[in-house]
């Protein structure tokens, strides 16, 4: 009779696979939340534009805001 451990095989060798922390896609710089108050129609339009430009997924509104910021900041120089 074989045990479950014998059927699984040997574990992967150390250092052959990157862990989830090593491949973290988040930026190295810490982020902070900002809160603004706008009308519901503006918030809906902003959300829709973020989805169209960056995909309807988490982080699209932040990406749209940063794109707007970089465009605005670049025009001031």
N, C-alpha and C. Protein backbone atom coordinates (compact mmCIF):
# COMPACT_ATOMS: atom_id res chain seq x y z
N UNK A 1 0.84 -1.19 0.00
CA UNK A 1 0.00 0.00 0.00
C UNK A 1 0.88 1.25 0.00
N UNK A 2 0.58 2.21 -0.87
CA UNK A 2 1.37 3.45 -0.93
C UNK A 2 0.66 4.55 -0.18
N UNK A 3 1.44 5.44 0.36
CA UNK A 3 0.87 6.58 1.09
C UNK A 3 0.70 7.75 0.13
N UNK A 4 -0.04 8.74 0.57
CA UNK A 4 -0.26 9.92 -0.27
C UNK A 4 1.06 10.62 -0.57
N UNK A 5 1.95 10.64 0.38
CA UNK A 5 3.25 11.30 0.18
C UNK A 5 4.06 10.60 -0.92
N UNK A 6 3.99 9.30 -1.00
CA UNK A 6 4.73 8.56 -2.02
C UNK A 6 4.14 8.81 -3.41
N UNK A 7 2.86 9.01 -3.52
CA UNK A 7 2.22 9.24 -4.83
C UNK A 7 2.50 10.64 -5.36
N UNK A 8 2.72 11.62 -4.50
CA UNK A 8 2.88 13.00 -4.93
C UNK A 8 4.21 13.26 -5.61
N UNK A 9 5.24 12.55 -5.28
CA UNK A 9 6.54 12.80 -5.88
C UNK A 9 7.34 13.78 -5.05
N UNK A 10 8.51 14.09 -5.54
CA UNK A 10 9.42 14.98 -4.82
C UNK A 10 8.96 16.43 -4.94
N UNK A 11 9.22 17.23 -3.92
CA UNK A 11 8.87 18.66 -4.01
C UNK A 11 9.79 19.37 -5.00
N UNK A 12 9.37 20.52 -5.46
CA UNK A 12 10.19 21.31 -6.39
C UNK A 12 11.47 21.74 -5.69
N UNK A 13 12.53 21.81 -6.48
CA UNK A 13 13.81 22.23 -5.92
C UNK A 13 13.74 23.69 -5.51
N UNK A 14 14.46 24.05 -4.48
CA UNK A 14 14.46 25.44 -4.01
C UNK A 14 15.06 26.35 -5.06
N UNK A 15 14.48 27.53 -5.17
CA UNK A 15 15.01 28.54 -6.07
C UNK A 15 14.60 28.37 -7.52
N UNK A 16 13.81 27.39 -7.85
CA UNK A 16 13.41 27.20 -9.25
C UNK A 16 12.14 27.97 -9.59
N UNK A 17 11.43 28.43 -8.60
CA UNK A 17 10.17 29.13 -8.84
C UNK A 17 10.13 30.38 -8.00
N UNK A 18 9.66 31.49 -8.59
CA UNK A 18 9.52 32.73 -7.84
C UNK A 18 8.23 32.69 -7.04
N UNK A 19 8.30 33.19 -5.84
CA UNK A 19 7.12 33.24 -4.99
C UNK A 19 6.24 34.41 -5.37
N UNK A 20 5.04 34.50 -4.81
CA UNK A 20 4.12 35.58 -5.17
C UNK A 20 4.62 36.95 -4.74
N UNK A 21 5.46 37.02 -3.74
CA UNK A 21 5.98 38.31 -3.31
C UNK A 21 7.02 38.82 -4.30
N UNK A 22 7.80 37.93 -4.88
CA UNK A 22 8.85 38.33 -5.81
C UNK A 22 8.28 38.90 -7.11
N UNK A 23 7.09 38.51 -7.49
CA UNK A 23 6.50 38.97 -8.75
C UNK A 23 5.37 39.97 -8.51
N UNK A 24 5.43 40.70 -7.44
CA UNK A 24 4.40 41.68 -7.07
C UNK A 24 4.39 42.82 -8.09
N UNK A 25 3.29 43.04 -8.82
CA UNK A 25 3.26 44.08 -9.85
C UNK A 25 3.02 45.49 -9.33
N UNK A 26 2.78 45.62 -8.03
CA UNK A 26 2.49 46.95 -7.50
C UNK A 26 3.73 47.83 -7.53
N UNK A 27 3.55 49.13 -7.64
CA UNK A 27 4.72 50.03 -7.66
C UNK A 27 5.44 50.02 -6.31
N UNK A 28 6.73 50.32 -6.36
CA UNK A 28 7.52 50.31 -5.13
C UNK A 28 7.12 51.45 -4.20
N UNK A 29 6.68 52.56 -4.76
CA UNK A 29 6.27 53.70 -3.95
C UNK A 29 4.91 53.44 -3.31
N UNK A 30 4.78 53.78 -2.05
CA UNK A 30 3.51 53.61 -1.34
C UNK A 30 2.46 54.54 -1.95
N UNK A 31 1.23 54.15 -1.84
CA UNK A 31 0.13 54.98 -2.33
C UNK A 31 -0.76 55.40 -1.18
N UNK A 32 -1.48 56.50 -1.36
CA UNK A 32 -2.42 56.98 -0.36
C UNK A 32 -3.74 57.27 -1.07
N UNK A 33 -4.86 57.09 -0.38
CA UNK A 33 -6.15 57.38 -1.01
C UNK A 33 -6.43 58.89 -1.00
N UNK A 34 -7.11 59.34 -2.03
CA UNK A 34 -7.62 60.72 -2.02
C UNK A 34 -9.13 60.62 -2.25
N UNK A 35 -9.84 61.53 -1.67
CA UNK A 35 -11.29 61.49 -1.80
C UNK A 35 -11.76 62.84 -2.29
N UNK A 36 -12.57 62.81 -3.33
CA UNK A 36 -13.18 64.03 -3.84
C UNK A 36 -14.69 63.80 -3.93
N UNK A 37 -15.42 64.87 -3.90
CA UNK A 37 -16.87 64.77 -3.99
C UNK A 37 -17.31 65.38 -5.32
N UNK A 38 -18.01 64.59 -6.11
CA UNK A 38 -18.55 65.04 -7.40
C UNK A 38 -19.99 64.55 -7.50
N UNK A 39 -20.69 65.08 -8.47
CA UNK A 39 -22.07 64.65 -8.67
C UNK A 39 -22.09 63.21 -9.17
N UNK A 40 -23.19 62.52 -8.94
CA UNK A 40 -23.29 61.13 -9.41
C UNK A 40 -23.09 60.99 -10.92
N UNK A 41 -23.55 61.97 -11.69
CA UNK A 41 -23.40 61.88 -13.15
C UNK A 41 -21.92 61.99 -13.55
N UNK A 42 -21.16 62.83 -12.88
CA UNK A 42 -19.73 62.95 -13.16
C UNK A 42 -19.01 61.66 -12.76
N UNK A 43 -19.37 61.12 -11.61
CA UNK A 43 -18.74 59.88 -11.15
C UNK A 43 -19.03 58.74 -12.12
N UNK A 44 -20.25 58.66 -12.61
CA UNK A 44 -20.61 57.60 -13.56
C UNK A 44 -19.86 57.77 -14.88
N UNK A 45 -19.78 59.01 -15.36
CA UNK A 45 -19.07 59.26 -16.61
C UNK A 45 -17.57 58.96 -16.47
N UNK A 46 -17.00 59.32 -15.33
CA UNK A 46 -15.58 59.05 -15.08
C UNK A 46 -15.33 57.54 -15.03
N UNK A 47 -16.20 56.80 -14.35
CA UNK A 47 -16.07 55.35 -14.27
C UNK A 47 -16.18 54.70 -15.65
N UNK A 48 -17.12 55.19 -16.45
CA UNK A 48 -17.28 54.62 -17.78
C UNK A 48 -16.06 54.90 -18.65
N UNK A 49 -15.56 56.12 -18.59
CA UNK A 49 -14.37 56.47 -19.39
C UNK A 49 -13.16 55.65 -18.94
N UNK A 50 -13.01 55.45 -17.63
CA UNK A 50 -11.91 54.63 -17.13
C UNK A 50 -12.03 53.20 -17.63
N UNK A 51 -13.23 52.68 -17.67
CA UNK A 51 -13.44 51.32 -18.17
C UNK A 51 -13.14 51.20 -19.64
N UNK A 52 -13.54 52.19 -20.41
CA UNK A 52 -13.28 52.16 -21.85
C UNK A 52 -11.78 52.27 -22.13
N UNK A 53 -11.10 53.17 -21.43
CA UNK A 53 -9.68 53.40 -21.68
C UNK A 53 -8.77 52.32 -21.10
N UNK A 54 -9.11 51.81 -19.91
CA UNK A 54 -8.20 50.91 -19.20
C UNK A 54 -8.81 49.55 -18.88
N UNK A 55 -9.99 49.28 -19.36
CA UNK A 55 -10.62 47.99 -19.09
C UNK A 55 -11.48 48.07 -17.85
N UNK A 56 -12.54 47.33 -17.85
CA UNK A 56 -13.48 47.34 -16.74
C UNK A 56 -13.00 46.39 -15.65
N UNK A 57 -11.97 46.82 -14.95
CA UNK A 57 -11.41 46.01 -13.87
C UNK A 57 -10.86 46.91 -12.78
N UNK A 58 -10.46 46.30 -11.70
CA UNK A 58 -9.97 47.04 -10.54
C UNK A 58 -8.75 47.88 -10.93
N UNK A 59 -8.75 49.13 -10.51
CA UNK A 59 -7.61 50.01 -10.74
C UNK A 59 -7.76 50.90 -11.95
N UNK A 60 -8.81 50.73 -12.73
CA UNK A 60 -8.95 51.54 -13.95
C UNK A 60 -9.15 53.02 -13.64
N UNK A 61 -9.89 53.34 -12.58
CA UNK A 61 -10.10 54.75 -12.23
C UNK A 61 -8.81 55.40 -11.77
N UNK A 62 -8.00 54.65 -11.02
CA UNK A 62 -6.71 55.19 -10.59
C UNK A 62 -5.82 55.44 -11.80
N UNK A 63 -5.83 54.52 -12.75
CA UNK A 63 -5.01 54.69 -13.96
C UNK A 63 -5.46 55.90 -14.76
N UNK A 64 -6.78 56.09 -14.88
CA UNK A 64 -7.29 57.26 -15.60
C UNK A 64 -6.88 58.54 -14.89
N UNK A 65 -7.01 58.58 -13.58
CA UNK A 65 -6.62 59.77 -12.84
C UNK A 65 -5.13 60.08 -13.04
N UNK A 66 -4.28 59.04 -12.95
CA UNK A 66 -2.85 59.25 -13.13
C UNK A 66 -2.52 59.70 -14.56
N UNK A 67 -3.23 59.16 -15.54
CA UNK A 67 -3.01 59.61 -16.92
C UNK A 67 -3.39 61.09 -17.06
N UNK A 68 -4.51 61.48 -16.46
CA UNK A 68 -4.92 62.89 -16.49
C UNK A 68 -3.90 63.77 -15.78
N UNK A 69 -3.41 63.31 -14.65
CA UNK A 69 -2.43 64.07 -13.88
C UNK A 69 -1.13 64.26 -14.67
N UNK A 70 -0.66 63.19 -15.29
CA UNK A 70 0.58 63.29 -16.07
C UNK A 70 0.40 64.22 -17.27
N UNK A 71 -0.76 64.17 -17.91
CA UNK A 71 -1.02 65.07 -19.03
C UNK A 71 -1.07 66.52 -18.55
N UNK A 72 -1.73 66.77 -17.43
CA UNK A 72 -1.83 68.12 -16.87
C UNK A 72 -0.47 68.62 -16.41
N UNK A 73 0.24 67.77 -15.68
CA UNK A 73 1.54 68.16 -15.13
C UNK A 73 2.54 68.40 -16.27
N UNK A 74 2.47 67.60 -17.30
CA UNK A 74 3.38 67.76 -18.44
C UNK A 74 3.14 69.04 -19.20
N UNK A 75 1.89 69.51 -19.23
CA UNK A 75 1.58 70.74 -19.96
C UNK A 75 2.03 71.99 -19.22
N UNK A 76 2.31 71.86 -17.92
CA UNK A 76 2.75 73.02 -17.14
C UNK A 76 4.23 73.31 -17.30
N UNK A 77 5.00 72.36 -17.83
CA UNK A 77 6.44 72.56 -17.94
C UNK A 77 6.83 73.36 -19.14
